[in-house]
Protein backbone atom coordinates (compact mmCIF):
# COMPACT_ATOMS: atom_id res chain seq x y z
CA MET A 1 62.14 10.51 56.92
CA LEU A 2 65.27 9.91 54.78
CA GLU A 3 66.84 6.51 54.36
CA ASP A 4 69.90 7.61 56.34
CA GLY A 5 67.61 8.06 59.37
CA SER A 6 67.33 11.86 59.14
CA ARG A 7 63.88 12.92 60.35
CA PHE A 8 62.15 16.27 59.83
CA PRO A 9 58.83 16.89 61.63
CA GLY A 10 56.37 19.33 60.07
CA TYR A 11 52.72 19.84 59.24
CA ALA A 12 50.45 17.72 57.08
CA TRP A 13 49.66 19.51 53.81
CA GLY A 14 47.52 18.30 50.95
CA THR A 15 46.38 14.69 51.17
CA GLU A 16 47.25 12.78 54.32
CA GLY A 17 48.86 9.37 54.10
CA ILE A 18 52.19 7.69 53.36
CA ARG A 19 54.28 8.27 50.25
CA VAL A 20 57.74 6.83 49.60
CA GLY A 21 59.99 7.79 46.72
CA GLU A 22 63.37 9.19 45.73
CA VAL A 23 63.82 12.54 47.48
CA VAL A 24 65.25 15.28 45.23
CA PHE A 25 65.52 19.04 45.47
CA SER A 26 64.61 21.77 42.96
CA THR A 27 66.27 25.17 43.06
CA GLY A 28 63.61 27.02 41.05
CA MET A 29 62.20 30.11 42.78
CA THR A 30 59.18 30.16 40.43
CA GLY A 31 57.32 27.64 38.33
CA TYR A 32 56.08 25.28 41.02
CA GLN A 33 52.99 24.38 38.94
CA GLU A 34 55.17 23.35 36.01
CA THR A 35 57.33 21.32 38.39
CA LEU A 36 54.35 19.52 39.90
CA THR A 37 52.89 18.61 36.52
CA ASP A 38 56.19 17.60 34.88
CA PRO A 39 55.98 13.82 34.33
CA SER A 40 59.75 13.59 34.78
CA TYR A 41 59.17 13.83 38.53
CA ALA A 42 57.13 10.59 38.69
CA GLY A 43 58.32 8.46 41.57
CA GLN A 44 60.04 11.37 43.29
CA ILE A 45 59.40 13.44 46.41
CA VAL A 46 60.33 17.03 45.52
CA VAL A 47 61.85 19.41 48.04
CA MET A 48 61.60 23.08 47.04
CA THR A 49 64.57 25.17 48.15
CA ALA A 50 62.63 28.42 47.71
CA PRO A 51 60.81 28.99 51.00
CA HIS A 52 57.51 30.51 49.81
CA ILE A 53 55.44 28.23 47.57
CA GLY A 54 51.85 28.68 46.35
CA ASN A 55 51.69 32.49 46.28
CA THR A 56 50.26 32.69 42.76
CA GLY A 57 47.86 29.76 43.04
CA MET A 58 47.13 27.28 40.24
CA ASN A 59 45.42 27.56 36.85
CA ASP A 60 44.52 25.29 33.94
CA GLU A 61 46.68 27.10 31.39
CA ASP A 62 50.09 26.45 32.98
CA ALA A 63 49.72 22.72 33.60
CA GLU A 64 52.34 20.74 31.70
CA SER A 65 50.36 17.48 31.63
CA ARG A 66 47.08 15.94 32.66
CA GLN A 67 47.87 15.64 36.42
CA VAL A 68 50.32 16.29 39.22
CA TRP A 69 53.05 13.62 39.01
CA VAL A 70 55.27 14.14 42.05
CA GLU A 71 55.13 11.36 44.66
CA GLY A 72 55.25 13.94 47.44
CA PHE A 73 55.84 17.66 47.93
CA VAL A 74 57.98 19.31 50.62
CA VAL A 75 57.94 23.05 51.32
CA ARG A 76 58.77 25.42 54.12
CA ASP A 77 56.06 28.11 53.96
CA PRO A 78 52.98 27.36 51.83
CA SER A 79 50.88 30.38 51.00
CA PRO A 80 47.62 30.33 52.99
CA ARG A 81 45.82 31.92 50.04
CA PRO A 82 46.90 32.75 46.48
CA SER A 83 47.09 36.30 45.13
CA ASN A 84 47.28 36.52 41.35
CA PHE A 85 44.86 37.62 38.65
CA ARG A 86 45.42 34.30 36.80
CA SER A 87 44.82 32.11 39.80
CA GLU A 88 41.82 29.77 39.60
CA ARG A 89 42.36 27.82 42.84
CA SER A 90 44.92 27.25 45.57
CA LEU A 91 47.87 24.88 45.32
CA GLU A 92 46.54 22.78 48.18
CA GLU A 93 43.30 22.20 46.28
CA ASP A 94 45.27 20.52 43.50
CA LEU A 95 47.31 18.51 45.97
CA LEU A 96 44.05 17.24 47.43
CA SER A 97 42.36 16.54 44.10
CA ASP A 98 45.41 14.66 42.76
CA GLN A 99 45.98 12.92 46.11
CA VAL A 100 49.49 14.27 46.65
CA VAL A 101 50.87 13.86 50.16
CA GLY A 102 52.75 16.94 51.23
CA ILE A 103 54.50 18.35 54.26
CA SER A 104 55.16 21.97 55.23
CA GLY A 105 56.96 23.80 58.00
CA VAL A 106 60.20 21.85 57.59
CA ASP A 107 63.66 23.29 57.04
CA THR A 108 63.97 22.58 53.32
CA ARG A 109 67.47 24.07 53.14
CA ALA A 110 68.65 21.59 55.78
CA ILE A 111 67.14 18.69 53.81
CA THR A 112 68.81 19.98 50.67
CA LEU A 113 72.20 20.09 52.37
CA VAL A 114 71.83 16.46 53.36
CA LEU A 115 70.95 15.48 49.80
CA ARG A 116 73.70 17.59 48.29
CA ASP A 117 76.38 16.11 50.52
CA ALA A 118 75.19 12.47 50.69
CA GLY A 119 73.34 12.33 47.38
CA VAL A 120 69.67 11.81 46.62
CA MET A 121 68.12 8.95 48.57
CA ARG A 122 64.84 7.30 49.27
CA GLY A 123 62.54 8.94 51.74
CA GLY A 124 58.95 9.08 52.90
CA ILE A 125 56.29 11.54 54.04
CA PHE A 126 54.14 10.22 56.87
CA SER A 127 50.93 11.97 57.91
CA GLY A 128 47.53 10.79 59.10
CA ASP A 129 47.84 7.18 60.17
CA GLY A 130 51.44 7.19 58.95
CA TYR A 131 52.36 9.80 61.55
CA ALA A 132 51.41 7.36 64.30
CA LEU A 133 54.07 4.90 63.15
CA SER A 134 57.27 4.71 65.16
CA PRO A 135 60.41 6.16 63.62
CA ASP A 136 61.75 2.64 63.16
CA ALA A 137 58.59 1.56 61.35
CA GLN A 138 58.75 4.66 59.12
CA LEU A 139 62.37 3.95 58.25
CA GLU A 140 61.49 0.33 57.46
CA LYS A 141 58.91 1.51 54.90
CA VAL A 142 61.41 3.91 53.35
CA LEU A 143 64.05 1.21 52.98
CA ALA A 144 61.48 -1.08 51.39
CA GLY A 145 60.83 1.49 48.66
CA PRO A 146 62.24 1.00 45.15
CA LEU A 147 65.52 2.54 44.05
CA MET A 148 65.37 4.83 41.01
CA THR A 149 68.26 2.93 39.41
CA GLY A 150 66.84 0.26 37.17
CA GLN A 151 63.28 1.66 37.07
CA SER A 152 61.49 2.04 33.76
CA LEU A 153 58.74 4.66 34.29
CA ALA A 154 57.98 5.97 30.80
CA ASP A 155 54.97 3.72 30.25
CA ARG A 156 53.50 4.99 33.53
CA VAL A 157 53.39 8.63 32.37
CA SER A 158 53.01 8.21 28.60
CA VAL A 159 49.78 8.51 26.64
CA SER A 160 47.96 5.19 26.17
CA GLU A 161 46.68 6.14 22.72
CA ALA A 162 48.11 8.35 20.00
CA ARG A 163 46.91 11.94 19.72
CA VAL A 164 47.55 14.59 17.08
CA VAL A 165 48.26 18.29 17.59
CA PRO A 166 48.08 20.27 14.34
CA ALA A 167 50.76 22.74 13.26
CA THR A 168 50.02 26.32 14.26
CA THR A 169 51.91 27.79 11.32
CA GLU A 170 52.50 26.68 7.72
CA MET A 171 52.70 22.90 7.89
CA LEU A 172 56.06 21.32 7.23
CA GLY A 173 55.02 17.70 7.76
CA THR A 174 54.33 15.06 10.38
CA LEU A 175 56.61 14.77 13.40
CA ALA A 176 56.49 11.48 15.30
CA VAL A 177 56.91 12.17 19.04
CA ILE A 178 57.59 9.35 21.44
CA ASP A 179 55.92 10.43 24.69
CA LEU A 180 58.25 9.44 27.51
CA GLY A 181 56.70 12.10 29.74
CA ILE A 182 56.32 15.07 27.39
CA LYS A 183 55.36 18.56 28.55
CA GLU A 184 52.62 20.51 26.76
CA SER A 185 54.93 23.51 26.28
CA THR A 186 57.21 21.30 24.20
CA VAL A 187 54.27 20.24 22.03
CA ARG A 188 53.35 23.89 21.46
CA GLU A 189 56.89 24.80 20.46
CA LEU A 190 57.03 21.95 17.92
CA ALA A 191 53.62 22.83 16.47
CA ALA A 192 54.78 26.46 16.15
CA ARG A 193 57.63 25.25 13.86
CA GLY A 194 55.20 23.79 11.35
CA PHE A 195 55.11 20.21 12.57
CA GLN A 196 51.91 18.26 12.77
CA VAL A 197 52.72 16.55 16.05
CA HIS A 198 51.77 12.87 16.35
CA ILE A 199 52.24 12.00 20.02
CA LEU A 200 52.77 8.22 20.37
CA PRO A 201 52.91 5.92 23.40
CA ALA A 202 56.32 5.08 24.84
CA SER A 203 55.80 1.45 23.79
CA SER A 204 55.43 2.30 20.09
CA THR A 205 57.35 0.17 17.57
CA PHE A 206 59.29 1.55 14.65
CA GLN A 207 56.60 0.29 12.29
CA GLU A 208 54.00 2.24 14.24
CA ILE A 209 56.21 5.32 13.92
CA LEU A 210 56.53 4.81 10.16
CA ALA A 211 52.75 4.47 9.86
CA THR A 212 52.42 8.21 10.70
CA GLU A 213 54.57 8.97 7.59
CA PRO A 214 56.92 11.17 9.60
CA ILE A 215 59.54 13.55 8.28
CA ALA A 216 61.36 13.40 11.64
CA LEU A 217 61.35 11.82 15.10
CA PHE A 218 61.39 13.41 18.56
CA TYR A 219 62.04 11.81 21.97
CA SER A 220 60.74 13.74 24.96
CA ASN A 221 61.79 14.20 28.56
CA GLY A 222 60.65 11.61 31.08
CA PRO A 223 61.34 9.76 34.35
CA GLY A 224 63.35 6.66 35.19
CA ASP A 225 66.69 5.10 34.42
CA PRO A 226 67.79 5.28 30.75
CA ALA A 227 69.60 1.95 31.22
CA ALA A 228 66.15 0.34 31.72
CA SER A 229 64.76 1.58 28.38
CA ASP A 230 66.13 -0.96 25.95
CA ASN A 231 63.03 -0.99 23.75
CA GLN A 232 63.10 2.76 23.11
CA VAL A 233 66.83 2.57 22.41
CA ALA A 234 66.33 -0.21 19.85
CA VAL A 235 63.49 1.73 18.13
CA LEU A 236 65.68 4.84 17.97
CA GLN A 237 68.53 2.88 16.40
CA GLU A 238 66.12 1.69 13.68
CA ALA A 239 65.03 5.27 13.07
CA LEU A 240 68.60 6.51 12.82
CA ARG A 241 69.49 3.76 10.33
CA HIS A 242 66.37 4.70 8.36
CA GLY A 243 67.69 8.26 8.11
CA LEU A 244 64.97 10.08 10.09
CA PRO A 245 66.15 13.40 11.49
CA PHE A 246 66.08 13.20 15.29
CA PHE A 247 65.87 15.62 18.20
CA GLY A 248 65.76 14.54 21.85
CA ILE A 249 65.54 16.47 25.10
CA CYS A 250 66.38 15.37 28.64
CA PHE A 251 65.55 11.62 28.77
CA GLY A 252 65.67 11.74 24.96
CA ASN A 253 69.28 12.93 25.20
CA GLN A 254 70.22 9.98 27.36
CA LEU A 255 68.49 7.56 24.99
CA LEU A 256 70.28 9.06 22.00
CA GLY A 257 73.52 8.54 23.89
CA ARG A 258 72.66 4.88 24.43
CA ALA A 259 71.53 4.46 20.80
CA LEU A 260 74.91 5.79 19.68
CA GLY A 261 76.58 3.19 21.90
CA LEU A 262 77.50 5.42 24.84
CA GLY A 263 76.87 4.63 28.50
CA THR A 264 74.82 6.44 31.12
CA TYR A 265 75.27 6.84 34.87
CA LYS A 266 73.39 8.19 37.90
CA LEU A 267 74.33 11.60 39.22
CA LYS A 268 74.93 12.18 42.91
CA TYR A 269 72.03 14.60 43.28
CA GLY A 270 71.12 15.58 39.72
CA HIS A 271 70.18 18.89 38.18
CA ARG A 272 66.72 20.28 38.98
CA GLY A 273 65.67 23.89 38.68
CA ILE A 274 65.65 26.79 36.24
CA ASN A 275 69.08 28.31 36.84
CA GLN A 276 71.53 25.72 35.47
CA PRO A 277 74.45 27.22 33.45
CA VAL A 278 75.42 25.38 30.27
CA LEU A 279 78.11 26.15 27.67
CA ASP A 280 77.06 25.90 24.04
CA LYS A 281 80.40 24.97 22.46
CA ALA A 282 79.48 25.81 18.87
CA ARG A 283 78.13 29.29 19.65
CA GLY A 284 80.65 29.97 22.42
CA ARG A 285 78.01 31.28 24.81
CA VAL A 286 76.57 30.42 28.19
CA GLU A 287 72.86 29.57 28.51
CA ILE A 288 70.89 29.51 31.72
CA THR A 289 68.67 26.46 31.41
CA ALA A 290 65.75 24.59 33.00
CA GLN A 291 66.67 21.04 33.98
CA ASN A 292 65.25 18.00 35.67
CA HIS A 293 67.36 14.84 35.51
CA GLY A 294 69.20 12.44 37.74
CA PHE A 295 71.11 10.49 35.05
CA ALA A 296 73.63 11.62 32.44
CA VAL A 297 75.49 10.41 29.34
CA ASP A 298 79.08 9.23 29.78
CA ALA A 299 81.16 10.83 27.03
CA PRO A 300 84.34 12.94 26.70
CA LEU A 301 83.65 16.69 26.63
CA GLU A 302 86.32 17.51 24.05
CA GLY A 303 87.07 16.10 20.64
CA VAL A 304 85.15 13.88 18.26
CA ILE A 305 84.52 10.21 18.97
CA ASP A 306 83.37 7.31 16.83
CA SER A 307 79.93 5.99 17.73
CA PRO A 308 80.42 2.49 19.19
CA ALA A 309 77.08 1.57 17.59
CA GLY A 310 78.28 2.45 14.10
CA PHE A 311 76.62 5.83 13.51
CA GLY A 312 79.78 7.71 12.58
CA SER A 313 81.31 10.65 14.38
CA VAL A 314 79.77 12.17 17.51
CA GLU A 315 80.66 15.16 19.65
CA VAL A 316 79.48 16.68 22.92
CA SER A 317 77.82 19.95 21.95
CA HIS A 318 76.97 21.33 25.40
CA PHE A 319 78.19 20.73 28.95
CA SER A 320 77.34 21.92 32.45
CA LEU A 321 79.47 24.70 33.91
CA ASN A 322 78.65 23.53 37.43
CA ASP A 323 80.02 19.99 37.22
CA ASN A 324 81.05 19.27 33.57
CA VAL A 325 78.14 16.89 32.96
CA VAL A 326 77.29 16.23 29.30
CA GLU A 327 74.38 18.51 28.32
CA GLY A 328 74.12 17.85 24.61
CA LEU A 329 75.13 15.48 21.80
CA ARG A 330 75.49 16.02 18.08
CA ALA A 331 75.98 13.32 15.47
CA LEU A 332 78.16 14.57 12.59
CA ASP A 333 77.32 11.95 9.98
CA ILE A 334 73.59 11.54 10.54
CA PRO A 335 70.88 14.17 11.20
CA ALA A 336 70.57 13.77 14.97
CA PHE A 337 71.17 15.92 18.05
CA SER A 338 69.90 16.25 21.60
CA VAL A 339 70.21 18.31 24.78
CA GLN A 340 69.90 17.31 28.40
CA TYR A 341 67.82 20.33 29.45
CA HIS A 342 64.34 21.72 28.68
CA PRO A 343 64.47 24.34 25.90
CA GLU A 344 60.71 24.95 26.11
CA ALA A 345 61.45 26.88 29.35
CA ALA A 346 58.35 25.92 31.30
CA ALA A 347 59.19 27.25 33.73
CA GLY A 348 62.51 28.97 33.21
CA PRO A 349 64.58 31.23 30.96
CA ARG A 350 64.21 31.12 27.18
CA ASP A 351 67.94 31.09 26.36
CA ALA A 352 67.70 27.68 24.64
CA ASN A 353 64.49 28.22 22.68
CA TYR A 354 66.54 28.49 19.45
CA LEU A 355 67.00 24.70 19.54
CA PHE A 356 63.50 24.20 18.17
CA ASP A 357 64.50 26.41 15.23
CA ASP A 358 67.67 24.39 14.81
CA PHE A 359 65.60 21.22 14.63
CA ARG A 360 63.28 22.69 12.01
CA ASN A 361 66.27 23.84 9.95
CA LEU A 362 67.83 20.36 10.21
CA VAL A 363 64.62 18.77 8.94
CA VAL A 364 64.26 21.27 6.10
CA GLU A 365 67.86 20.71 5.03
CA HIS A 366 67.37 16.94 5.16
CA LEU A 367 64.21 17.13 3.07
CA SER A 368 65.90 19.35 0.48
CA THR A 369 68.72 16.88 -0.01
CA THR A 370 66.61 13.70 -0.01
CA LYS A 371 63.51 14.81 -1.83
CA GLY A 372 64.68 17.71 -3.90
CA GLY A 373 62.94 20.36 -1.81
CA VAL A 374 60.19 20.87 0.74
């Protein structure tokens, strides 16, 4: 049931019950396990546009976090049994163990057309006792659900205590990572660049960041409205004034935008999937990227602007070729940049993997100029 009254009957799948959240669609044809375990989907019911889901089962290696985070899962044709040499269990087993309410047998393309034309909206999945409710009662529950605008969800998905992941190559130094909903593939990419990764709770103060003796700071992807994350923005501004090199992805891009004094806004239906085309302005090439966001930074695509927050010159480094949404920011007077998409490519193409190398090079250059060498 969508909040506009659209109703799609199907079959109970996974855990039975009632789940209400923001209904979004993902265009990825593969990578459903990474989608389910991406903390950025917290509070959202995900509709998969690809019709066949669950064919390759689930395994422990591909999980991007400690649990499934989606509020609900909507598919057309779930695989009755997985068939893959890496499969350890079926998708439905994980939906049951993580208590995810799902629905199958619905026309997911029709739902997607509603969301694309009207925009994402609240909705609910009703099975078990929820199925017995009248349509009016179901709609009442949907309309009572929270709007994504104004929600701060990072604390819900973040680690509660710091953890350390050692570098997997020659160690460069400590990287402080603010976990706003980080994916394990991102952690592995950072460790592979020589960073000893200190993953800190979303509520961490700047003093707690400094206590790790970091050579740089990273803000991860995550769920919620960037306009509701004032604390993380204030901490980032302290770090930028301190001179820490910074890299942010997805939610981290939006928070860098806010720290620089720019605004953010909610997209009509967002970008979710692994086939989103982006133009890298500096390299003059198109990247196919993995994305999952419903908010964006408000900034002019061309030219250089002055940071309203006093951090010097800023430019948009990347933008979407589908709808001209800002996909990357680069500060020209301080060592900071960010992108709106997921360069760790889990799941998705690896076109943007070079950004982790760019970050390492930025940190090395900063160390060489401030400390006389690494």
